[in-house]
Amino acid sequence: MTVVARLKPAEPDLQRGAPDGQLASIDLTAYAAELGYPLLTGAYGQLASESPAVAEMPFPFPKPSTEEGTHLSYSLQWFAFGVLMFIGFGYAARQQARNAAIDAEDAEAQAGDGSSAGGLMHSSGPVARRRPVPASGRTRPRRKRKTPSWTPRGSEGWPSWFRSRWPG
């Protein structure tokens, strides 16, 4: 029998565990202490070839695929989500600024009339019912505040198929 091996130095201890029957690193001094019989700790041999060859040689696992495959579509999907997030934040900021401007106009109009709404006038809180401003005091037509589609006010904001099945 002929064995050809490559000598390699011992590896440093990695300070981590390994499954039973395996070593986390080839630390020869630690391995000699586990075995209980004398072992040379200068180097270890990695098998290069042997003669006669063994009937069944161990074979390495196949290398992972480096093709783009579905990874490209997933990356494009997440980039699209990121772009849509910025578009959504921009739209929400625009709506909040628009509603704040409408609230400010209404507050100015009410301050000019000397009347009080008697409620909150902030765009993120509940909005009290506003008293109609006389047409003679306004220079522009009144703009209607947009209600976000995800928070309907009353049953009129729900789709008709929903109202017909779940009255209330």
N, C-alpha and C. Protein backbone atom coordinates (compact mmCIF):
# COMPACT_ATOMS: atom_id res chain seq x y z
N MET A 1 0.86 -1.17 0.00
CA MET A 1 0.00 0.00 0.00
C MET A 1 0.90 1.23 0.00
N THR A 2 0.56 2.21 -0.85
CA THR A 2 1.29 3.46 -0.93
C THR A 2 0.33 4.60 -0.68
N VAL A 3 0.72 5.50 0.24
CA VAL A 3 -0.12 6.66 0.57
C VAL A 3 0.71 7.92 0.34
N VAL A 4 0.13 8.89 -0.39
CA VAL A 4 0.77 10.18 -0.60
C VAL A 4 -0.08 11.21 0.14
N ALA A 5 0.57 11.93 1.06
CA ALA A 5 -0.15 12.93 1.87
C ALA A 5 0.61 14.24 1.83
N ARG A 6 -0.12 15.32 1.98
CA ARG A 6 0.47 16.66 2.08
C ARG A 6 0.45 17.06 3.55
N LEU A 7 1.59 17.46 4.08
CA LEU A 7 1.67 17.86 5.48
C LEU A 7 1.24 19.32 5.62
N LYS A 8 0.40 19.55 6.62
CA LYS A 8 -0.11 20.89 6.89
C LYS A 8 0.06 21.19 8.36
N PRO A 9 0.33 22.46 8.72
CA PRO A 9 0.46 22.80 10.14
C PRO A 9 -0.90 22.78 10.83
N ALA A 10 -0.88 22.67 12.13
CA ALA A 10 -2.13 22.67 12.92
C ALA A 10 -2.83 24.02 12.78
N GLU A 11 -4.15 23.98 12.85
CA GLU A 11 -4.95 25.20 12.76
C GLU A 11 -5.16 25.76 14.16
N PRO A 12 -5.38 27.06 14.28
CA PRO A 12 -5.65 27.62 15.62
C PRO A 12 -7.04 27.22 16.10
N ASP A 13 -7.21 27.24 17.41
CA ASP A 13 -8.50 26.91 18.00
C ASP A 13 -9.50 28.03 17.68
N LEU A 14 -10.68 27.68 17.19
CA LEU A 14 -11.68 28.67 16.77
C LEU A 14 -12.63 29.09 17.88
N GLN A 15 -12.57 28.45 19.02
CA GLN A 15 -13.43 28.78 20.16
C GLN A 15 -14.91 28.64 19.81
N ARG A 16 -15.25 27.58 19.09
CA ARG A 16 -16.65 27.31 18.78
C ARG A 16 -16.84 25.80 18.79
N GLY A 17 -18.06 25.38 18.90
CA GLY A 17 -18.36 23.97 18.96
C GLY A 17 -18.52 23.36 17.58
N ALA A 18 -18.63 22.05 17.57
CA ALA A 18 -18.87 21.29 16.35
C ALA A 18 -19.79 20.13 16.71
N PRO A 19 -20.50 19.57 15.74
CA PRO A 19 -21.34 18.40 16.03
C PRO A 19 -20.50 17.22 16.54
N ASP A 20 -21.15 16.27 17.19
CA ASP A 20 -20.44 15.10 17.73
C ASP A 20 -19.72 14.36 16.62
N GLY A 21 -18.50 13.98 16.88
CA GLY A 21 -17.70 13.25 15.91
C GLY A 21 -16.97 14.13 14.92
N GLN A 22 -17.08 15.45 15.05
CA GLN A 22 -16.40 16.38 14.14
C GLN A 22 -15.57 17.37 14.94
N LEU A 23 -14.58 17.95 14.27
CA LEU A 23 -13.75 18.98 14.88
C LEU A 23 -14.08 20.32 14.25
N ALA A 24 -14.14 21.39 15.06
CA ALA A 24 -14.37 22.73 14.51
C ALA A 24 -13.14 23.21 13.76
N SER A 25 -11.95 22.87 14.27
CA SER A 25 -10.69 23.16 13.59
C SER A 25 -9.71 22.04 13.93
N ILE A 26 -8.68 21.91 13.15
CA ILE A 26 -7.73 20.84 13.39
C ILE A 26 -6.65 21.38 14.33
N ASP A 27 -7.02 21.47 15.61
CA ASP A 27 -6.12 21.89 16.67
C ASP A 27 -5.53 20.61 17.28
N LEU A 28 -4.31 20.27 16.89
CA LEU A 28 -3.74 18.97 17.23
C LEU A 28 -3.53 18.77 18.72
N THR A 29 -3.16 19.81 19.48
CA THR A 29 -2.94 19.64 20.92
C THR A 29 -4.26 19.32 21.63
N ALA A 30 -5.36 20.01 21.24
CA ALA A 30 -6.66 19.73 21.84
C ALA A 30 -7.14 18.33 21.44
N TYR A 31 -6.87 17.94 20.22
CA TYR A 31 -7.31 16.63 19.73
C TYR A 31 -6.53 15.52 20.44
N ALA A 32 -5.24 15.72 20.69
CA ALA A 32 -4.42 14.72 21.40
C ALA A 32 -4.93 14.53 22.81
N ALA A 33 -5.40 15.61 23.46
CA ALA A 33 -5.93 15.51 24.81
C ALA A 33 -7.24 14.71 24.82
N GLU A 34 -8.04 14.79 23.77
CA GLU A 34 -9.29 14.04 23.69
C GLU A 34 -9.05 12.56 23.44
N LEU A 35 -8.03 12.22 22.66
CA LEU A 35 -7.80 10.83 22.29
C LEU A 35 -7.30 9.99 23.46
N GLY A 36 -6.40 10.53 24.26
CA GLY A 36 -5.90 9.77 25.40
C GLY A 36 -4.68 8.92 25.09
N TYR A 37 -4.15 8.94 23.91
CA TYR A 37 -2.91 8.24 23.58
C TYR A 37 -1.99 9.22 22.88
N PRO A 38 -0.69 8.92 22.84
CA PRO A 38 0.27 9.89 22.29
C PRO A 38 0.01 10.18 20.81
N LEU A 39 0.18 11.46 20.48
CA LEU A 39 -0.06 11.92 19.11
C LEU A 39 0.95 13.00 18.78
N LEU A 40 1.56 12.94 17.61
CA LEU A 40 2.50 13.98 17.20
C LEU A 40 1.69 15.22 16.83
N THR A 41 2.08 16.38 17.35
CA THR A 41 1.28 17.59 17.14
C THR A 41 1.97 18.62 16.25
N GLY A 42 3.01 18.23 15.56
CA GLY A 42 3.73 19.18 14.70
C GLY A 42 2.96 19.50 13.43
N ALA A 43 2.33 18.51 12.82
CA ALA A 43 1.61 18.71 11.56
C ALA A 43 0.67 17.53 11.35
N TYR A 44 -0.23 17.68 10.43
CA TYR A 44 -1.13 16.58 10.08
C TYR A 44 -1.05 16.36 8.56
N GLY A 45 -1.46 15.19 8.11
CA GLY A 45 -1.37 14.87 6.69
C GLY A 45 -2.74 14.89 6.02
N GLN A 46 -2.80 15.52 4.86
CA GLN A 46 -4.02 15.53 4.06
C GLN A 46 -3.79 14.58 2.88
N LEU A 47 -4.67 13.60 2.74
CA LEU A 47 -4.50 12.56 1.74
C LEU A 47 -4.54 13.15 0.33
N ALA A 48 -3.53 12.83 -0.47
CA ALA A 48 -3.49 13.26 -1.86
C ALA A 48 -3.86 12.10 -2.78
N SER A 49 -3.28 10.92 -2.52
CA SER A 49 -3.63 9.73 -3.31
C SER A 49 -3.18 8.50 -2.54
N GLU A 50 -3.71 7.35 -2.95
CA GLU A 50 -3.30 6.09 -2.35
C GLU A 50 -3.38 4.99 -3.40
N SER A 51 -2.57 3.96 -3.17
CA SER A 51 -2.54 2.86 -4.12
C SER A 51 -2.54 1.57 -3.32
N PRO A 52 -3.38 0.66 -3.51
CA PRO A 52 -4.53 0.60 -4.41
C PRO A 52 -5.64 1.53 -3.92
N ALA A 53 -6.41 2.04 -4.86
CA ALA A 53 -7.48 3.00 -4.55
C ALA A 53 -8.62 2.32 -3.80
N VAL A 54 -9.28 3.07 -2.98
CA VAL A 54 -10.42 2.59 -2.21
C VAL A 54 -11.61 2.46 -3.15
N ALA A 55 -12.49 1.51 -2.90
CA ALA A 55 -13.66 1.28 -3.76
C ALA A 55 -14.57 2.51 -3.79
N GLU A 56 -14.82 3.10 -2.64
CA GLU A 56 -15.70 4.28 -2.58
C GLU A 56 -14.94 5.41 -1.91
N MET A 57 -14.60 6.41 -2.69
CA MET A 57 -13.92 7.59 -2.15
C MET A 57 -14.97 8.62 -1.76
N PRO A 58 -14.75 9.33 -0.69
CA PRO A 58 -15.68 10.42 -0.38
C PRO A 58 -15.55 11.50 -1.45
N PHE A 59 -16.67 12.13 -1.75
CA PHE A 59 -16.64 13.19 -2.76
C PHE A 59 -17.18 14.48 -2.15
N PRO A 60 -16.69 15.60 -2.60
CA PRO A 60 -17.14 16.88 -2.02
C PRO A 60 -18.55 17.21 -2.49
N PHE A 61 -19.19 18.05 -1.72
CA PHE A 61 -20.53 18.53 -2.10
C PHE A 61 -20.41 19.34 -3.38
N PRO A 62 -21.45 19.35 -4.19
CA PRO A 62 -21.39 20.18 -5.40
C PRO A 62 -21.38 21.66 -5.03
N LYS A 63 -20.68 22.44 -5.82
CA LYS A 63 -20.60 23.88 -5.56
C LYS A 63 -21.96 24.51 -5.84
N PRO A 64 -22.31 25.55 -5.10
CA PRO A 64 -23.59 26.21 -5.33
C PRO A 64 -23.63 26.89 -6.70
N SER A 65 -24.81 27.01 -7.23
CA SER A 65 -24.99 27.64 -8.53
C SER A 65 -24.71 29.13 -8.45
N THR A 66 -23.99 29.64 -9.42
CA THR A 66 -23.69 31.07 -9.45
C THR A 66 -24.52 31.79 -10.50
N GLU A 67 -25.49 31.10 -11.09
CA GLU A 67 -26.36 31.74 -12.07
C GLU A 67 -27.31 32.70 -11.36
N GLU A 68 -27.74 33.71 -12.09
CA GLU A 68 -28.63 34.70 -11.49
C GLU A 68 -30.00 34.10 -11.19
N GLY A 69 -30.53 33.30 -12.08
CA GLY A 69 -31.80 32.62 -11.83
C GLY A 69 -32.86 33.56 -11.30
N THR A 70 -33.52 33.14 -10.21
CA THR A 70 -34.58 33.96 -9.62
C THR A 70 -34.03 35.09 -8.76
N HIS A 71 -32.73 35.07 -8.47
CA HIS A 71 -32.17 36.11 -7.61
C HIS A 71 -32.30 37.49 -8.26
N LEU A 72 -32.15 37.56 -9.56
CA LEU A 72 -32.26 38.83 -10.25
C LEU A 72 -33.67 39.39 -10.12
N SER A 73 -34.68 38.55 -10.30
CA SER A 73 -36.06 39.05 -10.20
C SER A 73 -36.38 39.48 -8.77
N TYR A 74 -35.86 38.75 -7.77
CA TYR A 74 -36.09 39.16 -6.39
C TYR A 74 -35.42 40.49 -6.09
N SER A 75 -34.23 40.69 -6.59
CA SER A 75 -33.56 41.96 -6.33
C SER A 75 -34.29 43.11 -7.01
N LEU A 76 -34.77 42.89 -8.23
CA LEU A 76 -35.55 43.94 -8.90
C LEU A 76 -36.86 44.22 -8.15
N GLN A 77 -37.46 43.17 -7.62
CA GLN A 77 -38.70 43.33 -6.85
C GLN A 77 -38.45 44.21 -5.62
N TRP A 78 -37.37 43.97 -4.90
CA TRP A 78 -37.11 44.76 -3.70
C TRP A 78 -36.70 46.19 -4.04
N PHE A 79 -36.00 46.39 -5.15
CA PHE A 79 -35.71 47.76 -5.57
C PHE A 79 -37.01 48.49 -5.91
N ALA A 80 -37.96 47.79 -6.55
CA ALA A 80 -39.25 48.41 -6.86
C ALA A 80 -40.00 48.76 -5.58
N PHE A 81 -39.95 47.88 -4.57
CA PHE A 81 -40.59 48.19 -3.29
C PHE A 81 -39.97 49.43 -2.66
N GLY A 82 -38.66 49.54 -2.75
CA GLY A 82 -37.99 50.72 -2.20
C GLY A 82 -38.42 52.00 -2.90
N VAL A 83 -38.53 51.96 -4.23
CA VAL A 83 -38.97 53.14 -4.98
C VAL A 83 -40.41 53.48 -4.62
N LEU A 84 -41.28 52.46 -4.53
CA LEU A 84 -42.68 52.70 -4.17
C LEU A 84 -42.81 53.27 -2.76
N MET A 85 -41.92 52.89 -1.87
CA MET A 85 -41.97 53.44 -0.52
C MET A 85 -41.73 54.95 -0.56
N PHE A 86 -40.72 55.38 -1.33
CA PHE A 86 -40.45 56.81 -1.41
C PHE A 86 -41.59 57.55 -2.10
N ILE A 87 -42.20 56.95 -3.10
CA ILE A 87 -43.35 57.57 -3.76
C ILE A 87 -44.50 57.69 -2.78
N GLY A 88 -44.75 56.64 -1.99
CA GLY A 88 -45.82 56.67 -0.99
C GLY A 88 -45.59 57.73 0.08
N PHE A 89 -44.36 57.84 0.56
CA PHE A 89 -44.05 58.87 1.55
C PHE A 89 -44.23 60.27 0.95
N GLY A 90 -43.81 60.44 -0.28
CA GLY A 90 -43.99 61.73 -0.94
C GLY A 90 -45.46 62.09 -1.09
N TYR A 91 -46.28 61.11 -1.49
CA TYR A 91 -47.71 61.36 -1.64
C TYR A 91 -48.34 61.70 -0.29
N ALA A 92 -47.97 60.95 0.76
CA ALA A 92 -48.53 61.21 2.09
C ALA A 92 -48.12 62.60 2.59
N ALA A 93 -46.87 62.99 2.36
CA ALA A 93 -46.41 64.31 2.78
C ALA A 93 -47.14 65.40 2.01
N ARG A 94 -47.37 65.17 0.72
CA ARG A 94 -48.10 66.16 -0.10
C ARG A 94 -49.54 66.31 0.40
N GLN A 95 -50.20 65.18 0.71
CA GLN A 95 -51.58 65.25 1.22
C GLN A 95 -51.63 65.93 2.58
N GLN A 96 -50.66 65.65 3.43
CA GLN A 96 -50.65 66.28 4.75
C GLN A 96 -50.43 67.79 4.61
N ALA A 97 -49.52 68.19 3.74
CA ALA A 97 -49.28 69.62 3.53
C ALA A 97 -50.52 70.28 2.93
N ARG A 98 -51.18 69.61 2.00
CA ARG A 98 -52.40 70.17 1.39
C ARG A 98 -53.50 70.34 2.43
N ASN A 99 -53.69 69.29 3.27
CA ASN A 99 -54.73 69.39 4.30
C ASN A 99 -54.38 70.43 5.36
N ALA A 100 -53.10 70.59 5.68
CA ALA A 100 -52.69 71.63 6.63
C ALA A 100 -52.96 73.02 6.05
N ALA A 101 -52.73 73.18 4.74
CA ALA A 101 -53.01 74.47 4.11
C ALA A 101 -54.50 74.78 4.12
N ILE A 102 -55.33 73.76 3.88
CA ILE A 102 -56.79 73.97 3.94
C ILE A 102 -57.21 74.32 5.35
N ASP A 103 -56.66 73.65 6.36
CA ASP A 103 -56.98 73.97 7.75
C ASP A 103 -56.55 75.39 8.10
N ALA A 104 -55.38 75.81 7.60
CA ALA A 104 -54.91 77.17 7.87
C ALA A 104 -55.82 78.21 7.23
N GLU A 105 -56.27 77.93 6.00
CA GLU A 105 -57.21 78.85 5.35
C GLU A 105 -58.51 78.96 6.13
N ASP A 106 -59.01 77.80 6.59
CA ASP A 106 -60.25 77.82 7.37
C ASP A 106 -60.06 78.55 8.69
N ALA A 107 -58.90 78.39 9.33
CA ALA A 107 -58.65 79.08 10.59
C ALA A 107 -58.57 80.58 10.37
N GLU A 108 -57.95 81.00 9.25
CA GLU A 108 -57.88 82.43 8.94
C GLU A 108 -59.27 82.98 8.65
N ALA A 109 -60.07 82.22 7.92
CA ALA A 109 -61.41 82.68 7.60
C ALA A 109 -62.26 82.79 8.86
N GLN A 110 -62.13 81.85 9.78
CA GLN A 110 -62.89 81.89 11.03
C GLN A 110 -62.39 83.00 11.94
N ALA A 111 -61.10 83.27 11.91
CA ALA A 111 -60.56 84.35 12.73
C ALA A 111 -61.05 85.70 12.19
N GLY A 112 -61.19 85.79 10.88
CA GLY A 112 -61.70 87.03 10.29
C GLY A 112 -63.17 87.24 10.60
N ASP A 113 -63.95 86.17 10.72
CA ASP A 113 -65.37 86.27 11.05
C ASP A 113 -65.60 86.45 12.54
N GLY A 114 -64.61 86.10 13.34
CA GLY A 114 -64.78 86.17 14.79
C GLY A 114 -65.50 84.95 15.33
N SER A 115 -65.75 83.94 14.50
CA SER A 115 -66.45 82.74 14.98
C SER A 115 -65.42 81.69 15.37
N SER A 116 -65.86 80.73 16.14
CA SER A 116 -64.96 79.66 16.58
C SER A 116 -65.55 78.33 16.17
N ALA A 117 -64.70 77.43 15.73
CA ALA A 117 -65.18 76.12 15.31
C ALA A 117 -65.50 75.25 16.53
N GLY A 118 -64.84 75.55 17.65
CA GLY A 118 -65.12 74.80 18.86
C GLY A 118 -64.53 73.40 18.84
N GLY A 119 -63.57 73.12 18.01
CA GLY A 119 -62.99 71.78 17.94
C GLY A 119 -61.56 71.83 17.46
N LEU A 120 -61.04 70.70 17.18
CA LEU A 120 -59.67 70.60 16.72
C LEU A 120 -59.57 70.97 15.26
N MET A 121 -58.47 71.61 14.88
CA MET A 121 -58.26 72.00 13.48
C MET A 121 -56.90 71.49 13.00
N HIS A 122 -56.45 70.38 13.48
CA HIS A 122 -55.14 69.84 13.10
C HIS A 122 -55.36 68.73 12.08
N SER A 123 -54.44 68.63 11.11
CA SER A 123 -54.65 67.68 10.03
C SER A 123 -54.50 66.22 10.46
N SER A 124 -53.80 65.94 11.57
CA SER A 124 -53.64 64.54 11.95
C SER A 124 -54.65 64.11 13.00
N GLY A 125 -55.41 65.01 13.58
CA GLY A 125 -56.40 64.66 14.58
C GLY A 125 -57.79 64.68 14.00
N PRO A 126 -58.80 64.37 14.83
CA PRO A 126 -60.17 64.44 14.33
C PRO A 126 -60.53 65.88 13.99
N VAL A 127 -61.27 66.05 12.94
CA VAL A 127 -61.63 67.39 12.48
C VAL A 127 -63.08 67.66 12.87
N ALA A 128 -63.29 68.79 13.58
CA ALA A 128 -64.64 69.17 13.97
C ALA A 128 -65.40 69.69 12.75
N ARG A 129 -66.71 69.61 12.80
CA ARG A 129 -67.53 70.11 11.71
C ARG A 129 -67.37 71.62 11.61
N ARG A 130 -67.12 72.08 10.42
CA ARG A 130 -66.88 73.51 10.22
C ARG A 130 -68.17 74.21 9.84
N ARG A 131 -68.27 75.41 10.30
CA ARG A 131 -69.44 76.23 9.91
C ARG A 131 -69.20 76.80 8.52
N PRO A 132 -70.19 76.83 7.68
CA PRO A 132 -69.98 77.39 6.34
C PRO A 132 -69.64 78.87 6.42
N VAL A 133 -68.69 79.27 5.61
CA VAL A 133 -68.27 80.66 5.56
C VAL A 133 -69.15 81.36 4.52
N PRO A 134 -69.65 82.53 4.81
CA PRO A 134 -70.46 83.24 3.82
C PRO A 134 -69.67 83.48 2.53
N ALA A 135 -70.35 83.36 1.40
CA ALA A 135 -69.71 83.50 0.10
C ALA A 135 -69.14 84.90 -0.10
N SER A 136 -69.72 85.91 0.55
CA SER A 136 -69.25 87.28 0.36
C SER A 136 -67.86 87.48 0.97
N GLY A 137 -67.50 86.69 1.99
CA GLY A 137 -66.21 86.86 2.64
C GLY A 137 -65.08 86.09 1.96
N ARG A 138 -65.41 85.25 1.04
CA ARG A 138 -64.38 84.43 0.39
C ARG A 138 -64.05 84.99 -0.99
N THR A 139 -62.78 84.95 -1.31
CA THR A 139 -62.37 85.40 -2.64
C THR A 139 -62.20 84.23 -3.60
N ARG A 140 -62.00 83.02 -3.06
CA ARG A 140 -61.84 81.84 -3.89
C ARG A 140 -62.92 80.83 -3.55
N PRO A 141 -63.22 79.93 -4.47
CA PRO A 141 -64.18 78.87 -4.11
C PRO A 141 -63.56 77.94 -3.07
N ARG A 142 -64.39 77.40 -2.22
CA ARG A 142 -63.94 76.55 -1.12
C ARG A 142 -63.43 75.22 -1.67
N ARG A 143 -62.24 74.83 -1.20
CA ARG A 143 -61.68 73.53 -1.59
C ARG A 143 -62.12 72.49 -0.57
N LYS A 144 -62.36 71.29 -1.06
CA LYS A 144 -62.79 70.22 -0.17
C LYS A 144 -61.55 69.44 0.28
N ARG A 145 -61.50 69.15 1.58
CA ARG A 145 -60.39 68.39 2.14
C ARG A 145 -60.53 66.94 1.74
N LYS A 146 -59.43 66.34 1.29
CA LYS A 146 -59.47 64.94 0.88
C LYS A 146 -59.33 64.05 2.11
N THR A 147 -60.17 63.04 2.19
CA THR A 147 -60.08 62.03 3.23
C THR A 147 -59.31 60.86 2.65
N PRO A 148 -58.30 60.36 3.36
CA PRO A 148 -57.56 59.21 2.83
C PRO A 148 -58.48 58.04 2.56
N SER A 149 -58.22 57.29 1.51
CA SER A 149 -59.11 56.20 1.11
C SER A 149 -59.10 55.06 2.11
N TRP A 150 -58.07 54.95 2.96
CA TRP A 150 -58.02 53.84 3.90
C TRP A 150 -58.76 54.13 5.19
N THR A 151 -59.29 55.35 5.39
CA THR A 151 -60.08 55.66 6.58
C THR A 151 -61.40 56.29 6.16
N PRO A 152 -62.38 55.47 5.75
CA PRO A 152 -63.66 56.04 5.32
C PRO A 152 -64.43 56.64 6.50
N ARG A 153 -65.16 57.69 6.25
CA ARG A 153 -65.98 58.32 7.29
C ARG A 153 -67.41 57.85 7.11
N GLY A 154 -67.87 57.04 8.05
CA GLY A 154 -69.22 56.52 7.95
C GLY A 154 -69.30 55.41 6.92
N SER A 155 -70.49 54.97 6.61
CA SER A 155 -70.65 53.86 5.68
C SER A 155 -70.56 54.30 4.23
N GLU A 156 -70.59 55.62 3.96
CA GLU A 156 -70.57 56.06 2.57
C GLU A 156 -69.21 55.83 1.91
N GLY A 157 -68.16 55.63 2.71
CA GLY A 157 -66.84 55.41 2.15
C GLY A 157 -66.58 53.97 1.75
N TRP A 158 -67.43 53.03 2.21
CA TRP A 158 -67.22 51.62 1.90
C TRP A 158 -67.81 51.29 0.54
N PRO A 159 -67.28 50.29 -0.15
CA PRO A 159 -67.83 49.89 -1.44
C PRO A 159 -69.27 49.39 -1.30
N SER A 160 -70.02 49.49 -2.37
CA SER A 160 -71.43 49.11 -2.32
C SER A 160 -71.61 47.63 -2.00
N TRP A 161 -70.75 46.75 -2.51
CA TRP A 161 -70.89 45.32 -2.22
C TRP A 161 -70.68 45.04 -0.74
N PHE A 162 -69.87 45.87 -0.07
CA PHE A 162 -69.64 45.70 1.36
C PHE A 162 -70.87 46.17 2.14
N ARG A 163 -71.42 47.33 1.75
CA ARG A 163 -72.60 47.86 2.46
C ARG A 163 -73.78 46.94 2.32
N SER A 164 -73.94 46.28 1.14
CA SER A 164 -75.09 45.41 0.94
C SER A 164 -75.00 44.13 1.76
N ARG A 165 -73.79 43.65 2.04
CA ARG A 165 -73.64 42.40 2.79
C ARG A 165 -73.57 42.63 4.29
N TRP A 166 -72.95 43.73 4.70
CA TRP A 166 -72.79 44.00 6.12
C TRP A 166 -73.37 45.38 6.45
N PRO A 167 -74.64 45.44 6.65
CA PRO A 167 -75.22 46.76 6.97
C PRO A 167 -74.79 47.19 8.36
N GLY A 168 -74.76 48.46 8.55
CA GLY A 168 -74.44 48.89 9.91
C GLY A 168 -73.72 50.16 9.87
